[in-house]
Amino acid sequence: MSISVLITDDHPVVRAGIRALISNEPDMDVVGEASNGAEGVAMQREFDPDVVLMDLRMPGMGGIAAIREIRARNPDMRIVVLTTYDGDADIHRALDAGACGYLLKDTLGREVVNAVRTAVNGHKVIPPPVAGRLAEFTPRVDLTPRELEVLAYAAKGLRNKDIARVIGRAEETVKVHLKHIMSKLGAADRTEAVTIALQRGIIHIDD
């Protein structure tokens, strides 16, 4: 039986490269290519592939939302993330959403093929670089939704009073949130907190 694969990535060149890798395998077949999460969800319903390769950052519906929607309808669906984002927070979000594996796009071609086979056999796909990234930041840091919001605005360069106005809270409240954020991230100031959060994938500059 051929292993059917759905590729979901917004870059045509990346999709073409993955298709070429998989098409060279006698026991694998690419059944569809989606350019964003919404297309990926629709194609998963249409083709019911054995494995979905999913990028994280795409226009419209991103990978995390797509993984959640697919898994809500099909809890047994095997989804492997293939992305450039190596932050431990990104990895945790993907695994928490229901992905069974996480690969970085600089992964060698043979590893991608092996990951598909590992996933379809019901196993997790956590290569050493990804496992090392998770181990580097243990225990994990969980910021509240409000703290994430404040941190994202700080990353965009907003001052405390501007953040307070946007979120409809007092400036002192924003200062308290930033104090909690810095404590959780082990940062000396808000600039370092933003830097750490970006490096770890807790927030992204385009959020």
Protein backbone atom coordinates (compact mmCIF):
# COMPACT_ATOMS: atom_id res chain seq x y z
CA MET A 1 0.00 0.00 0.00
CA SER A 2 1.32 3.44 -0.95
CA ILE A 3 1.70 6.05 1.81
CA SER A 4 -0.34 9.10 0.81
CA VAL A 5 1.04 12.52 1.78
CA LEU A 6 -0.48 15.99 1.77
CA ILE A 7 1.94 18.94 1.65
CA THR A 8 0.83 22.23 3.22
CA ASP A 9 3.25 25.13 2.72
CA ASP A 10 2.88 28.62 1.30
CA HIS A 11 6.14 28.51 -0.68
CA PRO A 12 5.83 26.82 -4.11
CA VAL A 13 9.57 26.05 -4.24
CA VAL A 14 9.41 24.27 -0.88
CA ARG A 15 6.36 22.27 -1.97
CA ALA A 16 8.11 21.31 -5.21
CA GLY A 17 11.18 20.15 -3.30
CA ILE A 18 9.16 18.03 -0.89
CA ARG A 19 7.10 16.59 -3.75
CA ALA A 20 10.30 15.59 -5.57
CA LEU A 21 11.63 13.85 -2.44
CA ILE A 22 8.46 11.90 -1.79
CA SER A 23 7.75 11.09 -5.45
CA ASN A 24 11.13 9.34 -5.65
CA GLU A 25 9.99 6.84 -3.03
CA PRO A 26 8.26 3.78 -4.55
CA ASP A 27 5.93 3.43 -1.57
CA MET A 28 4.86 7.10 -1.28
CA ASP A 29 2.54 9.35 -3.19
CA VAL A 30 1.75 13.09 -2.91
CA VAL A 31 -2.04 13.41 -3.11
CA GLY A 32 -2.26 17.19 -2.77
CA GLU A 33 -0.51 20.50 -2.18
CA ALA A 34 -2.04 23.30 -0.10
CA SER A 35 -0.72 26.85 0.16
CA ASN A 36 -2.26 27.70 3.55
CA GLY A 37 -3.94 26.12 6.54
CA ALA A 38 -7.49 26.49 5.25
CA GLU A 39 -6.60 24.73 2.00
CA GLY A 40 -4.80 22.07 3.99
CA VAL A 41 -7.89 21.40 6.11
CA ALA A 42 -10.08 21.18 3.00
CA MET A 43 -7.66 18.87 1.17
CA GLN A 44 -7.27 16.65 4.21
CA ARG A 45 -11.04 16.11 4.19
CA GLU A 46 -11.05 15.50 0.45
CA PHE A 47 -8.07 13.16 0.12
CA ASP A 48 -7.80 11.66 3.64
CA PRO A 49 -4.00 11.24 3.40
CA ASP A 50 -1.96 9.02 5.69
CA VAL A 51 0.36 11.87 6.67
CA VAL A 52 0.13 15.67 6.47
CA LEU A 53 3.33 17.73 6.28
CA MET A 54 2.43 21.12 7.74
CA ASP A 55 4.23 24.46 7.77
CA LEU A 56 3.50 26.77 10.71
CA ARG A 57 3.56 30.31 9.35
CA MET A 58 1.23 30.80 6.40
CA PRO A 59 -1.11 33.58 5.25
CA GLY A 60 -4.67 33.31 6.51
CA MET A 61 -5.00 30.19 8.63
CA GLY A 62 -1.63 29.14 10.03
CA GLY A 63 -0.39 25.68 10.81
CA ILE A 64 -1.39 25.52 14.48
CA ALA A 65 -5.03 26.37 13.75
CA ALA A 66 -5.06 23.91 10.85
CA ILE A 67 -3.63 21.12 13.02
CA ARG A 68 -6.28 21.73 15.68
CA GLU A 69 -9.10 21.69 13.14
CA ILE A 70 -7.88 18.56 11.40
CA ARG A 71 -7.34 16.71 14.66
CA ALA A 72 -10.75 17.78 15.98
CA ARG A 73 -12.38 16.00 13.04
CA ASN A 74 -9.85 13.18 12.76
CA PRO A 75 -8.04 12.49 16.08
CA ASP A 76 -5.91 9.79 14.45
CA MET A 77 -4.53 12.00 11.67
CA ARG A 78 -0.74 11.94 11.56
CA ILE A 79 0.60 15.50 11.13
CA VAL A 80 4.31 16.34 10.97
CA VAL A 81 5.33 19.98 11.17
CA LEU A 82 8.03 21.09 8.72
CA THR A 83 9.10 24.66 9.47
CA THR A 84 11.95 27.12 9.92
CA TYR A 85 10.82 28.03 13.45
CA ASP A 86 12.99 26.35 16.08
CA GLY A 87 11.73 28.07 19.23
CA ASP A 88 10.74 25.76 22.07
CA ALA A 89 7.41 27.60 22.38
CA ASP A 90 6.66 26.91 18.69
CA ILE A 91 7.45 23.23 19.20
CA HIS A 92 5.26 22.97 22.29
CA ARG A 93 2.36 24.72 20.54
CA ALA A 94 2.53 22.33 17.60
CA LEU A 95 2.72 19.20 19.76
CA ASP A 96 -0.04 20.47 22.05
CA ALA A 97 -2.23 21.09 18.98
CA GLY A 98 -1.84 17.45 17.97
CA ALA A 99 1.19 17.20 15.70
CA CYS A 100 3.04 13.89 16.01
CA GLY A 101 6.33 15.29 14.80
CA TYR A 102 8.38 18.42 14.30
CA LEU A 103 11.05 18.87 11.65
CA LEU A 104 13.13 21.90 10.69
CA LYS A 105 13.38 22.83 7.02
CA ASP A 106 17.15 22.41 7.01
CA THR A 107 16.54 18.71 7.67
CA LEU A 108 18.15 16.42 5.10
CA GLY A 109 15.81 14.92 2.53
CA ARG A 110 16.19 11.35 3.74
CA GLU A 111 15.15 12.43 7.23
CA VAL A 112 11.89 13.86 5.85
CA VAL A 113 11.12 10.58 4.12
CA ASN A 114 11.98 8.62 7.25
CA ALA A 115 9.79 10.95 9.30
CA VAL A 116 6.80 10.18 7.06
CA ARG A 117 7.34 6.45 7.55
CA THR A 118 7.80 6.87 11.31
CA ALA A 119 4.63 8.93 11.58
CA VAL A 120 2.48 6.55 9.55
CA ASN A 121 3.63 3.73 11.84
CA GLY A 122 2.20 5.56 14.83
CA HIS A 123 5.40 6.93 16.35
CA LYS A 124 6.53 10.42 17.36
CA VAL A 125 9.04 12.27 15.18
CA ILE A 126 11.27 14.39 17.44
CA PRO A 127 14.80 14.56 15.96
CA PRO A 128 17.77 15.38 18.23
CA PRO A 129 17.96 19.13 17.38
CA VAL A 130 14.28 19.55 18.31
CA ALA A 131 14.58 17.44 21.45
CA GLY A 132 17.65 19.45 22.43
CA ARG A 133 15.77 22.69 21.99
CA LEU A 134 13.00 21.46 24.29
CA ALA A 135 15.49 20.22 26.88
CA GLU A 136 17.34 23.55 26.82
CA PHE A 137 14.28 25.37 28.15
CA THR A 138 12.82 23.10 30.83
CA PRO A 139 10.55 23.65 32.60
CA ARG A 140 8.56 25.49 29.95
CA VAL A 141 7.36 29.05 30.51
CA ASP A 142 3.65 29.76 30.12
CA LEU A 143 2.61 33.39 29.86
CA THR A 144 -1.02 34.38 30.30
CA PRO A 145 -2.94 35.65 27.24
CA ARG A 146 -2.75 39.19 28.62
CA GLU A 147 1.01 38.89 29.22
CA LEU A 148 1.47 37.66 25.65
CA GLU A 149 -0.55 40.60 24.39
CA VAL A 150 1.51 43.11 26.38
CA LEU A 151 4.76 41.47 25.30
CA ALA A 152 3.73 41.55 21.63
CA TYR A 153 3.00 45.28 21.84
CA ALA A 154 6.32 45.84 23.62
CA ALA A 155 8.05 43.99 20.77
CA LYS A 156 6.46 46.46 18.34
CA GLY A 157 8.04 49.32 20.27
CA LEU A 158 4.98 50.67 22.09
CA ARG A 159 5.61 52.50 25.34
CA ASN A 160 3.84 51.46 28.52
CA LYS A 161 1.26 54.25 28.31
CA ASP A 162 0.55 53.35 24.67
CA ILE A 163 0.09 49.68 25.55
CA ALA A 164 -2.21 50.70 28.40
CA ARG A 165 -4.34 52.74 26.02
CA VAL A 166 -4.58 49.95 23.44
CA ILE A 167 -5.58 47.22 25.94
CA GLY A 168 -7.79 49.54 27.99
CA ARG A 169 -5.91 49.22 31.27
CA ALA A 170 -3.96 51.55 33.57
CA GLU A 171 -0.29 52.12 32.90
CA GLU A 172 0.54 50.68 36.33
CA THR A 173 -1.21 47.46 35.29
CA VAL A 174 1.00 47.24 32.22
CA LYS A 175 4.08 47.71 34.41
CA VAL A 176 2.90 44.84 36.64
CA HIS A 177 2.42 42.60 33.58
CA LEU A 178 5.90 43.44 32.32
CA LYS A 179 7.37 42.71 35.75
CA HIS A 180 5.74 39.26 35.73
CA ILE A 181 6.91 38.64 32.17
CA MET A 182 10.51 39.54 33.00
CA SER A 183 10.42 37.32 36.06
CA LYS A 184 9.10 34.33 34.13
CA LEU A 185 11.62 34.76 31.33
CA GLY A 186 14.55 35.57 33.60
CA ALA A 187 15.06 38.92 31.87
CA ALA A 188 16.62 42.01 33.38
CA ASP A 189 14.47 44.47 31.43
CA ARG A 190 11.73 44.62 28.81
CA THR A 191 14.22 44.70 25.91
CA GLU A 192 15.81 41.46 27.06
CA ALA A 193 12.35 39.97 27.65
CA VAL A 194 11.37 40.76 24.05
CA THR A 195 14.64 39.33 22.74
CA ILE A 196 14.21 36.08 24.68
CA ALA A 197 10.57 35.76 23.64
CA LEU A 198 11.42 36.19 19.96
CA GLN A 199 14.31 33.70 20.14
CA ARG A 200 12.12 31.09 21.82
CA GLY A 201 9.13 31.59 19.55
CA ILE A 202 6.91 32.77 22.39
CA ILE A 203 5.95 35.69 20.16
CA HIS A 204 6.77 36.59 16.55
CA ILE A 205 7.46 40.04 15.23
CA ASP A 206 4.60 39.73 12.71
CA ASP A 207 2.02 38.68 15.35
